[in-house]
C-alpha atoms as a PDB file:
ATOM      1  CA  UNK A   1      -1.809  -3.867  55.018  1.00  0.00           C
ATOM      2  CA  UNK A   2      -2.398  -6.110  52.016  1.00  0.00           C
ATOM      3  CA  UNK A   3       0.216  -8.853  52.192  1.00  0.00           C
ATOM      4  CA  UNK A   4       0.283 -11.925  49.989  1.00  0.00           C
ATOM      5  CA  UNK A   5       2.997 -14.450  49.191  1.00  0.00           C
ATOM      6  CA  UNK A   6       2.821 -14.041  45.419  1.00  0.00           C
ATOM      7  CA  UNK A   7       3.337 -10.261  45.455  1.00  0.00           C
ATOM      8  CA  UNK A   8       6.344  -8.695  43.745  1.00  0.00           C
ATOM      9  CA  UNK A   9       7.602  -5.149  44.143  1.00  0.00           C
ATOM     10  CA  UNK A  10       9.369  -2.919  41.619  1.00  0.00           C
ATOM     11  CA  UNK A  11      10.560   0.684  42.003  1.00  0.00           C
ATOM     12  CA  UNK A  12      10.325   3.321  39.271  1.00  0.00           C
ATOM     13  CA  UNK A  13      11.871   6.794  39.441  1.00  0.00           C
ATOM     14  CA  UNK A  14       9.552   9.732  38.790  1.00  0.00           C
ATOM     15  CA  UNK A  15      11.540  12.872  37.780  1.00  0.00           C
ATOM     16  CA  UNK A  16       8.859  15.351  38.837  1.00  0.00           C
ATOM     17  CA  UNK A  17       6.116  14.825  41.375  1.00  0.00           C
ATOM     18  CA  UNK A  18       2.726  14.700  39.651  1.00  0.00           C
ATOM     19  CA  UNK A  19      -0.729  13.383  40.414  1.00  0.00           C
ATOM     20  CA  UNK A  20      -0.951  12.078  36.850  1.00  0.00           C
ATOM     21  CA  UNK A  21      -0.100   8.392  36.693  1.00  0.00           C
ATOM     22  CA  UNK A  22       2.567   7.675  34.026  1.00  0.00           C
ATOM     23  CA  UNK A  23       1.064   5.838  31.050  1.00  0.00           C
ATOM     24  CA  UNK A  24       3.528   2.944  31.314  1.00  0.00           C
ATOM     25  CA  UNK A  25       2.281   2.285  34.882  1.00  0.00           C
ATOM     26  CA  UNK A  26      -1.433   2.721  34.350  1.00  0.00           C
ATOM     27  CA  UNK A  27      -1.975  -0.708  32.802  1.00  0.00           C
ATOM     28  CA  UNK A  28      -0.291  -2.407  35.756  1.00  0.00           C
ATOM     29  CA  UNK A  29      -2.978  -1.121  38.124  1.00  0.00           C
ATOM     30  CA  UNK A  30      -6.081  -2.204  36.258  1.00  0.00           C
ATOM     31  CA  UNK A  31      -4.694  -5.301  34.538  1.00  0.00           C
ATOM     32  CA  UNK A  32      -2.615  -6.831  37.300  1.00  0.00           C
ATOM     33  CA  UNK A  33      -4.358  -5.829  40.512  1.00  0.00           C
ATOM     34  CA  UNK A  34      -1.474  -3.604  41.588  1.00  0.00           C
ATOM     35  CA  UNK A  35      -1.275  -0.942  44.233  1.00  0.00           C
ATOM     36  CA  UNK A  36       1.494   1.536  44.957  1.00  0.00           C
ATOM     37  CA  UNK A  37       3.453   3.372  47.620  1.00  0.00           C
ATOM     38  CA  UNK A  38       4.875   6.808  46.815  1.00  0.00           C
ATOM     39  CA  UNK A  39       8.158   7.735  48.536  1.00  0.00           C
ATOM     40  CA  UNK A  40       9.224  11.390  48.458  1.00  0.00           C
ATOM     41  CA  UNK A  41      12.890  12.348  48.284  1.00  0.00           C
ATOM     42  CA  UNK A  42      14.572  15.500  49.557  1.00  0.00           C
ATOM     43  CA  UNK A  43      15.343  16.669  46.002  1.00  0.00           C
ATOM     44  CA  UNK A  44      11.626  16.871  45.173  1.00  0.00           C
ATOM     45  CA  UNK A  45      11.624  13.661  43.193  1.00  0.00           C
ATOM     46  CA  UNK A  46       9.739  10.537  44.157  1.00  0.00           C
ATOM     47  CA  UNK A  47       9.920   6.792  43.869  1.00  0.00           C
ATOM     48  CA  UNK A  48       6.769   4.827  43.304  1.00  0.00           C
ATOM     49  CA  UNK A  49       6.772   1.232  44.519  1.00  0.00           C
ATOM     50  CA  UNK A  50       4.507  -0.942  42.402  1.00  0.00           C
ATOM     51  CA  UNK A  51       3.214  -3.937  44.336  1.00  0.00           C
ATOM     52  CA  UNK A  52       1.883  -6.421  41.826  1.00  0.00           C
ATOM     53  CA  UNK A  53      -0.321  -9.452  42.285  1.00  0.00           C
ATOM     54  CA  UNK A  54       1.531 -11.925  40.055  1.00  0.00           C
ATOM     55  CA  UNK A  55      -1.327 -14.391  40.302  1.00  0.00           C
ATOM     56  CA  UNK A  56      -3.726 -11.907  38.766  1.00  0.00           C
ATOM     57  CA  UNK A  57      -1.118 -11.008  36.160  1.00  0.00           C
ATOM     58  CA  UNK A  58      -0.915 -14.641  35.056  1.00  0.00           C
ATOM     59  CA  UNK A  59      -4.711 -14.816  34.943  1.00  0.00           C
ATOM     60  CA  UNK A  60      -4.865 -11.679  32.796  1.00  0.00           C
ATOM     61  CA  UNK A  61      -2.197 -12.888  30.366  1.00  0.00           C
ATOM     62  CA  UNK A  62      -3.998 -16.205  30.001  1.00  0.00           C
ATOM     63  CA  UNK A  63      -7.198 -14.311  29.198  1.00  0.00           C
ATOM     64  CA  UNK A  64      -5.422 -12.208  26.549  1.00  0.00           C
ATOM     65  CA  UNK A  65      -3.880 -15.310  24.947  1.00  0.00           C
ATOM     66  CA  UNK A  66      -7.284 -17.013  24.819  1.00  0.00           C
ATOM     67  CA  UNK A  67      -8.898 -13.923  23.313  1.00  0.00           C
ATOM     68  CA  UNK A  68      -6.228 -13.676  20.617  1.00  0.00           C
ATOM     69  CA  UNK A  69      -6.738 -17.337  19.770  1.00  0.00           C
ATOM     70  CA  UNK A  70     -10.510 -16.776  19.517  1.00  0.00           C
ATOM     71  CA  UNK A  71     -10.038 -13.830  17.128  1.00  0.00           C
ATOM     72  CA  UNK A  72      -7.572 -15.812  14.995  1.00  0.00           C
ATOM     73  CA  UNK A  73     -10.035 -18.712  14.813  1.00  0.00           C
ATOM     74  CA  UNK A  74     -12.852 -16.376  13.735  1.00  0.00           C
ATOM     75  CA  UNK A  75     -10.710 -14.878  10.963  1.00  0.00           C
ATOM     76  CA  UNK A  76      -9.704 -18.332   9.757  1.00  0.00           C
ATOM     77  CA  UNK A  77     -13.323 -19.531   9.675  1.00  0.00           C
ATOM     78  CA  UNK A  78     -14.318 -16.488   7.630  1.00  0.00           C
ATOM     79  CA  UNK A  79     -11.661 -17.198   5.009  1.00  0.00           C
ATOM     80  CA  UNK A  80     -12.977 -18.654   1.766  1.00  0.00           C
ATOM     81  CA  UNK A  81     -10.821 -21.342   0.210  1.00  0.00           C
ATOM     82  CA  UNK A  82     -13.023 -21.635  -2.888  1.00  0.00           C
ATOM     83  CA  UNK A  83     -12.617 -18.758  -5.373  1.00  0.00           C
ATOM     84  CA  UNK A  84     -15.708 -16.894  -6.533  1.00  0.00           C
ATOM     85  CA  UNK A  85     -17.023 -17.456 -10.069  1.00  0.00           C
ATOM     86  CA  UNK A  86     -15.674 -14.018 -10.995  1.00  0.00           C
ATOM     87  CA  UNK A  87     -12.192 -14.838  -9.677  1.00  0.00           C
ATOM     88  CA  UNK A  88     -12.221 -18.154 -11.513  1.00  0.00           C
ATOM     89  CA  UNK A  89     -13.220 -16.421 -14.752  1.00  0.00           C
ATOM     90  CA  UNK A  90     -10.339 -13.956 -14.376  1.00  0.00           C
ATOM     91  CA  UNK A  91      -7.935 -16.850 -13.860  1.00  0.00           C
ATOM     92  CA  UNK A  92      -9.163 -18.531 -17.049  1.00  0.00           C
ATOM     93  CA  UNK A  93      -8.625 -15.337 -19.037  1.00  0.00           C
ATOM     94  CA  UNK A  94      -5.172 -14.624 -17.542  1.00  0.00           C
ATOM     95  CA  UNK A  95      -3.822 -18.158 -17.836  1.00  0.00           C
ATOM     96  CA  UNK A  96      -5.378 -19.354 -21.087  1.00  0.00           C
ATOM     97  CA  UNK A  97      -6.684 -16.486 -23.188  1.00  0.00           C
ATOM     98  CA  UNK A  98      -4.158 -13.676 -22.621  1.00  0.00           C
ATOM     99  CA  UNK A  99      -1.168 -15.787 -23.731  1.00  0.00           C
ATOM    100  CA  UNK A 100      -3.003 -16.511 -27.012  1.00  0.00           C
ATOM    101  CA  UNK A 101      -3.647 -12.848 -27.818  1.00  0.00           C
ATOM    102  CA  UNK A 102      -1.087 -10.684 -29.669  1.00  0.00           C
ATOM    103  CA  UNK A 103      -1.012  -8.094 -26.890  1.00  0.00           C
ATOM    104  CA  UNK A 104       2.202  -6.306 -27.663  1.00  0.00           C
ATOM    105  CA  UNK A 105       2.559  -2.592 -28.201  1.00  0.00           C
ATOM    106  CA  UNK A 106       4.787  -3.318 -31.205  1.00  0.00           C
ATOM    107  CA  UNK A 107       1.594  -3.987 -33.180  1.00  0.00           C
ATOM    108  CA  UNK A 108       0.435  -0.395 -32.873  1.00  0.00           C
ATOM    109  CA  UNK A 109      -2.871   1.197 -31.931  1.00  0.00           C
ATOM    110  CA  UNK A 110      -5.069  -1.892 -32.049  1.00  0.00           C
ATOM    111  CA  UNK A 111      -2.981  -3.822 -29.536  1.00  0.00           C
ATOM    112  CA  UNK A 112      -2.689  -0.788 -27.261  1.00  0.00           C
ATOM    113  CA  UNK A 113      -6.476  -0.511 -27.291  1.00  0.00           C
ATOM    114  CA  UNK A 114      -6.821  -4.199 -26.399  1.00  0.00           C
ATOM    115  CA  UNK A 115      -4.290  -3.937 -23.597  1.00  0.00           C
ATOM    116  CA  UNK A 116      -5.970  -0.912 -22.046  1.00  0.00           C
ATOM    117  CA  UNK A 117      -9.443  -2.435 -22.332  1.00  0.00           C
ATOM    118  CA  UNK A 118      -8.160  -5.579 -20.588  1.00  0.00           C
ATOM    119  CA  UNK A 119      -5.752  -3.781 -18.253  1.00  0.00           C
ATOM    120  CA  UNK A 120      -7.639  -4.881 -15.158  1.00  0.00           C
ATOM    121  CA  UNK A 121      -6.426  -8.425 -15.840  1.00  0.00           C
ATOM    122  CA  UNK A 122      -2.741  -7.515 -15.667  1.00  0.00           C
ATOM    123  CA  UNK A 123      -0.844  -7.754 -12.396  1.00  0.00           C
ATOM    124  CA  UNK A 124       0.053  -4.773 -10.271  1.00  0.00           C
ATOM    125  CA  UNK A 125       3.712  -3.863 -10.630  1.00  0.00           C
ATOM    126  CA  UNK A 126       6.121  -5.018  -7.951  1.00  0.00           C
ATOM    127  CA  UNK A 127       9.922  -5.323  -7.954  1.00  0.00           C
ATOM    128  CA  UNK A 128      11.056  -8.279 -10.019  1.00  0.00           C
ATOM    129  CA  UNK A 129      12.603  -9.572 -13.227  1.00  0.00           C
ATOM    130  CA  UNK A 130      10.965  -8.000 -16.307  1.00  0.00           C
ATOM    131  CA  UNK A 131      11.340  -8.592 -20.013  1.00  0.00           C
ATOM    132  CA  UNK A 132      10.634  -6.129 -22.803  1.00  0.00           C
ATOM    133  CA  UNK A 133       6.921  -5.923 -23.581  1.00  0.00           C
ATOM    134  CA  UNK A 134       5.597  -7.054 -20.211  1.00  0.00           C
ATOM    135  CA  UNK A 135       2.582  -5.142 -18.938  1.00  0.00           C
ATOM    136  CA  UNK A 136       1.940  -3.987 -15.362  1.00  0.00           C
ATOM    137  CA  UNK A 137      -0.386  -1.560 -13.586  1.00  0.00           C
ATOM    138  CA  UNK A 138       0.743   1.006 -11.003  1.00  0.00           C
ATOM    139  CA  UNK A 139      -0.279   4.542  -9.973  1.00  0.00           C
ATOM    140  CA  UNK A 140      -3.490   4.422 -12.004  1.00  0.00           C
ATOM    141  CA  UNK A 141      -1.520   3.807 -15.195  1.00  0.00           C
ATOM    142  CA  UNK A 142      -0.793   0.790 -17.372  1.00  0.00           C
ATOM    143  CA  UNK A 143       2.888   0.474 -18.245  1.00  0.00           C
ATOM    144  CA  UNK A 144       4.908  -1.541 -20.732  1.00  0.00           C
ATOM    145  CA  UNK A 145       8.489  -2.558 -20.041  1.00  0.00           C
ATOM    146  CA  UNK A 146      10.792  -1.071 -22.683  1.00  0.00           C
ATOM    147  CA  UNK A 147      14.135  -2.232 -21.234  1.00  0.00           C
ATOM    148  CA  UNK A 148      14.656  -5.617 -19.573  1.00  0.00           C
ATOM    149  CA  UNK A 149      15.792  -5.406 -15.958  1.00  0.00           C
ATOM    150  CA  UNK A 150      15.802  -7.126 -12.576  1.00  0.00           C
ATOM    151  CA  UNK A 151      17.042  -4.308 -10.357  1.00  0.00           C
ATOM    152  CA  UNK A 152      14.877  -3.909  -7.193  1.00  0.00           C
ATOM    153  CA  UNK A 153      15.957  -0.268  -7.002  1.00  0.00           C
ATOM    154  CA  UNK A 154      13.921   0.530 -10.124  1.00  0.00           C
ATOM    155  CA  UNK A 155      10.622   1.754  -8.708  1.00  0.00           C
ATOM    156  CA  UNK A 156       7.947   4.235  -9.852  1.00  0.00           C
ATOM    157  CA  UNK A 157       9.523   6.753  -7.470  1.00  0.00           C
ATOM    158  CA  UNK A 158      13.068   6.353  -8.803  1.00  0.00           C
ATOM    159  CA  UNK A 159      14.570   8.839 -11.261  1.00  0.00           C
ATOM    160  CA  UNK A 160      15.329   6.151 -13.838  1.00  0.00           C
ATOM    161  CA  UNK A 161      11.831   4.619 -13.882  1.00  0.00           C
ATOM    162  CA  UNK A 162      11.085   6.067 -17.322  1.00  0.00           C
ATOM    163  CA  UNK A 163      14.239   4.484 -18.687  1.00  0.00           C
ATOM    164  CA  UNK A 164      12.649   1.080 -18.181  1.00  0.00           C
ATOM    165  CA  UNK A 165       8.895   1.697 -18.357  1.00  0.00           C
ATOM    166  CA  UNK A 166       6.583   3.852 -20.416  1.00  0.00           C
ATOM    167  CA  UNK A 167       2.876   4.529 -19.867  1.00  0.00           C
ATOM    168  CA  UNK A 168       0.357   3.422 -22.458  1.00  0.00           C
ATOM    169  CA  UNK A 169      -1.676   6.370 -23.678  1.00  0.00           C
ATOM    170  CA  UNK A 170      -5.380   6.092 -24.270  1.00  0.00           C
ATOM    171  CA  UNK A 171      -6.352   5.597 -27.882  1.00  0.00           C
ATOM    172  CA  UNK A 172     -10.039   6.177 -27.198  1.00  0.00           C
ATOM    173  CA  UNK A 173     -12.076   8.203 -24.735  1.00  0.00           C
ATOM    174  CA  UNK A 174     -12.828   5.128 -22.633  1.00  0.00           C
ATOM    175  CA  UNK A 175      -9.161   4.124 -22.356  1.00  0.00           C
ATOM    176  CA  UNK A 176      -7.846   7.596 -21.461  1.00  0.00           C
ATOM    177  CA  UNK A 177      -5.601   7.791 -18.390  1.00  0.00           C
ATOM    178  CA  UNK A 178      -4.394  10.778 -16.367  1.00  0.00           C
ATOM    179  CA  UNK A 179      -1.704  12.791 -18.158  1.00  0.00           C
ATOM    180  CA  UNK A 180       1.871  11.681 -17.457  1.00  0.00           C
ATOM    181  CA  UNK A 181       4.621  14.158 -18.234  1.00  0.00           C
ATOM    182  CA  UNK A 182       6.678  12.634 -21.075  1.00  0.00           C
ATOM    183  CA  UNK A 183      10.386  12.217 -20.408  1.00  0.00           C
ATOM    184  CA  UNK A 184      11.562  11.205 -23.864  1.00  0.00           C
ATOM    185  CA  UNK A 185      10.457  10.677 -27.456  1.00  0.00           C
ATOM    186  CA  UNK A 186       9.241   7.214 -26.424  1.00  0.00           C
ATOM    187  CA  UNK A 187       6.317   8.565 -24.442  1.00  0.00           C
ATOM    188  CA  UNK A 188       5.335  11.656 -26.439  1.00  0.00           C
ATOM    189  CA  UNK A 189       1.571  12.076 -26.769  1.00  0.00           C
ATOM    190  CA  UNK A 190       0.693  11.394 -30.389  1.00  0.00           C
ATOM    191  CA  UNK A 191      -2.102  12.830 -32.491  1.00  0.00           C
ATOM    192  CA  UNK A 192      -5.323  10.947 -31.774  1.00  0.00           C
ATOM    193  CA  UNK A 193      -4.416   9.871 -28.231  1.00  0.00           C
ATOM    194  CA  UNK A 194      -6.483  10.799 -25.199  1.00  0.00           C
ATOM    195  CA  UNK A 195      -5.654  11.890 -21.652  1.00  0.00           C
ATOM    196  CA  UNK A 196      -7.310  13.325 -18.577  1.00  0.00           C
ATOM    197  CA  UNK A 197      -5.678  16.693 -17.893  1.00  0.00           C
ATOM    198  CA  UNK A 198      -6.730  18.692 -14.833  1.00  0.00           C
ATOM    199  CA  UNK A 199      -9.817  16.440 -14.568  1.00  0.00           C
ATOM    200  CA  UNK A 200     -10.894  17.261 -18.147  1.00  0.00           C
ATOM    201  CA  UNK A 201     -10.851  14.674 -20.950  1.00  0.00           C
ATOM    202  CA  UNK A 202      -8.632  15.895 -23.791  1.00  0.00           C
ATOM    203  CA  UNK A 203      -7.718  14.634 -27.248  1.00  0.00           C
ATOM    204  CA  UNK A 204      -4.245  15.209 -28.636  1.00  0.00           C
ATOM    205  CA  UNK A 205      -4.434  16.991 -32.002  1.00  0.00           C
ATOM    206  CA  UNK A 206      -0.681  17.323 -32.589  1.00  0.00           C
ATOM    207  CA  UNK A 207       2.290  15.467 -31.124  1.00  0.00           C
ATOM    208  CA  UNK A 208       3.434  17.028 -27.867  1.00  0.00           C
ATOM    209  CA  UNK A 209       5.397  16.524 -24.666  1.00  0.00           C
ATOM    210  CA  UNK A 210       3.393  19.188 -22.806  1.00  0.00           C
ATOM    211  CA  UNK A 211      -0.054  19.450 -21.267  1.00  0.00           C
ATOM    212  CA  UNK A 212      -2.819  21.805 -22.399  1.00  0.00           C
ATOM    213  CA  UNK A 213      -1.521  24.674 -20.262  1.00  0.00           C
ATOM    214  CA  UNK A 214       2.010  24.715 -21.683  1.00  0.00           C
ATOM    215  CA  UNK A 215       0.874  23.775 -25.189  1.00  0.00           C
ATOM    216  CA  UNK A 216      -2.861  24.508 -25.624  1.00  0.00           C
ATOM    217  CA  UNK A 217      -2.660  24.178 -29.425  1.00  0.00           C
ATOM    218  CA  UNK A 218      -1.908  20.447 -29.097  1.00  0.00           C
ATOM    219  CA  UNK A 219      -5.058  19.569 -27.169  1.00  0.00           C
ATOM    220  CA  UNK A 220      -8.795  19.798 -27.676  1.00  0.00           C
ATOM    221  CA  UNK A 221     -11.721  18.912 -25.435  1.00  0.00           C
ATOM    222  CA  UNK A 222     -12.837  15.381 -26.214  1.00  0.00           C
END
């Protein structure tokens, strides 16, 4: 019999006798140098005594801790603390050039075109404090805040999202975005705007709140 001073024993009930080792016990055998004794009861249940080599367990846990430290060190060494030239250029544009440009949808089509062409420079939407006119990207759309708010419950999935945000519609073929069902007069598709509808690029030829299936007379292939 294998007897050692640093062995500990624990008993675990097994409701039905099976030759399949329970998953929660399997790791004990190969990680901790354990062996077991199966005791059968009269009611056809069994108790398995796990005899564990605590010395080997400590050795294994030390190995795991060292391995985790090695992986963390590798990830840290791979991290770049100096931004790429491209990232630096984006920062220059966002911090110095964007604030100088009249990018507000109040100015009409020209500003909307500029915003959509530069939309990759705007931040992705996240819950926060927003003022009227702020621009954010989410769900493959560029949105402008139309009502100031700071309620974290206002999300793209919430029913009142369109009360606070409206999508900017493409004003050229290259700025077209997937069709978003208008909810109010604020986000009606206007004549001359563009949208991708059912994977086809369309141009709006008369103001509409419907897509080309519900209102085919308002859309033409672009």
